[in-house]
Protein backbone atom coordinates (compact mmCIF):
# COMPACT_ATOMS: atom_id res chain seq x y z
CA UNK A 1 -22.11 6.86 95.81
CA UNK A 2 -25.45 5.86 96.93
CA UNK A 3 -27.03 2.57 96.31
CA UNK A 4 -29.78 2.65 93.76
CA UNK A 5 -29.07 6.07 92.77
CA UNK A 6 -29.10 6.78 88.88
CA UNK A 7 -25.94 8.61 87.72
CA UNK A 8 -25.86 11.65 85.68
CA UNK A 9 -24.62 10.20 82.17
CA UNK A 10 -23.72 13.64 80.88
CA UNK A 11 -21.67 14.06 84.06
CA UNK A 12 -20.04 10.97 83.88
CA UNK A 13 -19.33 10.94 80.11
CA UNK A 14 -17.62 14.36 80.55
CA UNK A 15 -15.70 13.33 83.53
CA UNK A 16 -14.69 10.51 81.65
CA UNK A 17 -13.49 12.20 78.61
CA UNK A 18 -11.48 14.72 80.54
CA UNK A 19 -9.61 11.84 82.20
CA UNK A 20 -8.93 10.18 79.06
CA UNK A 21 -7.65 13.70 77.61
CA UNK A 22 -5.49 14.09 80.53
CA UNK A 23 -3.90 10.83 80.21
CA UNK A 24 -3.40 11.25 76.61
CA UNK A 25 -2.09 14.66 76.78
CA UNK A 26 0.57 13.25 79.20
CA UNK A 27 1.80 10.95 76.39
CA UNK A 28 0.36 7.98 77.84
CA UNK A 29 -1.99 5.44 75.77
CA UNK A 30 -5.73 4.74 76.72
CA UNK A 31 -6.79 1.51 75.91
CA UNK A 32 -10.58 1.09 75.83
CA UNK A 33 -12.88 -2.10 75.52
CA UNK A 34 -16.60 -2.72 75.68
CA UNK A 35 -18.32 -4.08 78.68
CA UNK A 36 -17.42 -8.02 78.61
CA UNK A 37 -20.81 -9.89 77.61
CA UNK A 38 -19.85 -12.65 79.95
CA UNK A 39 -20.70 -10.31 82.82
CA UNK A 40 -23.99 -9.84 84.36
CA UNK A 41 -26.00 -9.32 81.27
CA UNK A 42 -29.39 -10.62 82.68
CA UNK A 43 -28.88 -9.55 86.09
CA UNK A 44 -26.32 -6.88 86.77
CA UNK A 45 -24.38 -6.86 89.91
CA UNK A 46 -22.19 -3.56 88.74
CA UNK A 47 -23.41 -0.04 89.05
CA UNK A 48 -22.59 2.18 85.95
CA UNK A 49 -18.74 1.44 86.06
CA UNK A 50 -17.06 -2.00 84.85
CA UNK A 51 -13.80 -1.67 86.44
CA UNK A 52 -11.66 0.96 87.88
CA UNK A 53 -7.74 0.52 88.83
CA UNK A 54 -7.95 -3.26 87.70
CA UNK A 55 -4.32 -3.06 86.70
CA UNK A 56 -1.06 -1.35 87.00
CA UNK A 57 1.56 -1.43 84.13
CA UNK A 58 5.09 -0.13 83.82
CA UNK A 59 6.98 1.06 80.67
CA UNK A 60 8.47 -2.33 80.11
CA UNK A 61 4.98 -3.93 79.52
CA UNK A 62 4.85 -5.69 83.16
CA UNK A 63 1.12 -5.76 84.13
CA UNK A 64 0.19 -6.47 87.79
CA UNK A 65 -3.51 -7.18 87.77
CA UNK A 66 -5.06 -5.95 91.12
CA UNK A 67 -7.39 -8.31 93.05
CA UNK A 68 -11.07 -7.19 93.54
CA UNK A 69 -12.00 -7.11 97.14
CA UNK A 70 -15.53 -8.39 96.51
CA UNK A 71 -15.67 -12.16 95.56
CA UNK A 72 -18.50 -11.55 93.26
CA UNK A 73 -16.28 -9.18 91.18
CA UNK A 74 -13.04 -11.33 90.85
CA UNK A 75 -14.09 -12.68 87.39
CA UNK A 76 -13.22 -9.22 86.23
CA UNK A 77 -9.53 -9.89 86.82
CA UNK A 78 -9.72 -12.93 84.49
CA UNK A 79 -11.49 -10.81 81.95
CA UNK A 80 -9.04 -8.23 82.08
CA UNK A 81 -6.07 -10.77 82.04
CA UNK A 82 -7.38 -12.36 78.71
CA UNK A 83 -7.82 -8.78 77.34
CA UNK A 84 -4.14 -7.96 78.23
CA UNK A 85 -2.78 -10.97 76.66
CA UNK A 86 -4.05 -9.89 73.47
CA UNK A 87 -1.81 -7.04 73.41
CA UNK A 88 1.19 -9.39 74.21
């Protein structure tokens, strides 16, 4: 990734759909949610990606929320936790 580069949205969407299809075809559920309104709406600090690998789960419903390395992105952990709590 190059800072300031504008991604090819067609390529990104095609890659995203391919990944989602692969996961679903493997028998797993994909849960998608909109970009949280509490994040960077006026002055974005994110590139074109909200989160990746933000948590890992097992078949028993246990989730381990990973800590973002960059301090300014750690708010994502709280947001993901709140979203996951809705499925309890």
